Amino acid sequence: MKLLIALLVLVFVATTTGAMSHHQADGRMKMCPPGGSTFTMAWSMSCSMRRRKRDIRFYEKRALVIPSIRQLQTICCQVGCNVEDLLAYCAPI
């Protein structure tokens, strides 16, 4: 019974604080503070998962200038980032 109550409280807190946001269905995750351990871990994991060949179509779609790594950290904290956002900052293999 205590486990059920604890689970319900956890779900309630998570949904009211936005931790389980239904608006971010595209895999975006807010990583705060900028440059913190969450960002560093996500960046490291996405770089280790990246494909050997770069997708040329990915670069053709980008019409804007890529922000600096510091700007990306702030963007990831404010609006969230997904794996594709972080892949552009991986060192070439």
Protein backbone atom coordinates (compact mmCIF):
# COMPACT_ATOMS: atom_id res chain seq x y z
CA MET A 1 0.00 0.00 0.00
CA LYS A 2 2.84 2.38 0.87
CA LEU A 3 4.50 1.57 -2.44
CA LEU A 4 1.33 2.45 -4.35
CA ILE A 5 1.00 5.77 -2.54
CA ALA A 6 4.66 6.58 -3.16
CA LEU A 7 4.25 5.76 -6.85
CA LEU A 8 1.16 7.97 -7.15
CA VAL A 9 2.95 10.85 -5.43
CA LEU A 10 5.94 10.43 -7.75
CA VAL A 11 3.73 10.47 -10.86
CA PHE A 12 1.85 13.52 -9.58
CA VAL A 13 5.04 15.45 -8.83
CA ALA A 14 6.63 14.49 -12.15
CA THR A 15 3.61 15.59 -14.18
CA THR A 16 3.11 18.87 -12.32
CA THR A 17 6.78 19.89 -12.52
CA GLY A 18 7.02 19.16 -16.24
CA ALA A 19 9.52 16.32 -15.90
CA MET A 20 7.25 14.16 -18.03
CA SER A 21 6.30 16.75 -20.65
CA HIS A 22 3.94 15.54 -23.35
CA HIS A 23 4.83 18.54 -25.51
CA GLN A 24 8.35 17.28 -26.17
CA ALA A 25 7.47 14.16 -28.13
CA ASP A 26 10.37 14.70 -30.54
CA GLY A 27 12.93 13.46 -28.02
CA ARG A 28 14.03 16.86 -26.75
CA MET A 29 15.34 17.09 -23.22
CA LYS A 30 16.15 20.18 -21.20
CA MET A 31 19.68 19.97 -19.85
CA CYS A 32 20.31 22.49 -17.07
CA PRO A 33 22.50 24.12 -15.91
CA PRO A 34 24.19 25.02 -19.22
CA GLY A 35 27.36 22.95 -19.53
CA GLY A 36 26.45 20.80 -16.54
CA SER A 37 26.79 17.06 -16.09
CA THR A 38 23.49 16.30 -17.88
CA PHE A 39 24.64 18.09 -21.03
CA THR A 40 28.11 16.54 -20.87
CA MET A 41 26.72 13.00 -20.49
CA ALA A 42 24.16 13.45 -23.31
CA TRP A 43 26.81 14.91 -25.61
CA SER A 44 29.23 12.08 -24.84
CA MET A 45 26.59 9.41 -25.41
CA SER A 46 25.34 10.92 -28.67
CA CYS A 47 28.88 11.16 -30.05
CA SER A 48 29.53 7.51 -29.22
CA MET A 49 26.32 6.49 -31.05
CA ARG A 50 26.95 8.50 -34.19
CA ARG A 51 27.25 6.83 -37.57
CA ARG A 52 30.58 6.52 -39.38
CA LYS A 53 29.33 8.29 -42.51
CA ARG A 54 27.92 11.77 -42.28
CA ASP A 55 24.50 12.28 -43.79
CA ILE A 56 24.95 14.91 -46.50
CA ARG A 57 21.22 15.63 -46.60
CA PHE A 58 21.42 16.69 -42.93
CA TYR A 59 23.78 19.55 -43.81
CA GLU A 60 21.73 20.63 -46.84
CA LYS A 61 18.71 21.13 -44.58
CA ARG A 62 20.54 23.54 -42.26
CA ALA A 63 19.90 27.12 -43.36
CA LEU A 64 21.21 28.75 -40.19
CA VAL A 65 24.69 29.10 -38.77
CA ILE A 66 25.53 26.47 -36.16
CA PRO A 67 25.78 28.07 -32.70
CA SER A 68 28.93 27.77 -30.61
CA ILE A 69 29.13 25.01 -28.01
CA ARG A 70 28.44 27.55 -25.22
CA GLN A 71 25.37 28.84 -27.08
CA LEU A 72 24.19 25.26 -27.61
CA GLN A 73 24.47 24.59 -23.88
CA THR A 74 22.22 27.58 -23.17
CA ILE A 75 19.74 26.56 -25.88
CA CYS A 76 19.61 23.01 -24.52
CA CYS A 77 18.80 24.39 -21.07
CA GLN A 78 16.11 26.82 -22.28
CA VAL A 79 14.24 24.83 -24.94
CA GLY A 80 15.83 21.39 -24.94
CA CYS A 81 17.95 19.42 -27.41
CA ASN A 82 17.80 16.01 -29.03
CA VAL A 83 20.54 13.68 -30.28
CA GLU A 84 20.62 15.23 -33.76
CA ASP A 85 21.28 18.67 -32.26
CA LEU A 86 24.33 17.32 -30.42
CA LEU A 87 25.78 15.31 -33.33
CA ALA A 88 27.05 18.43 -35.12
CA TYR A 89 29.47 18.99 -32.22
CA CYS A 90 31.14 15.56 -32.31
CA ALA A 91 34.75 15.44 -33.50
CA PRO A 92 35.19 13.76 -36.90
CA ILE A 93 36.21 10.10 -36.76
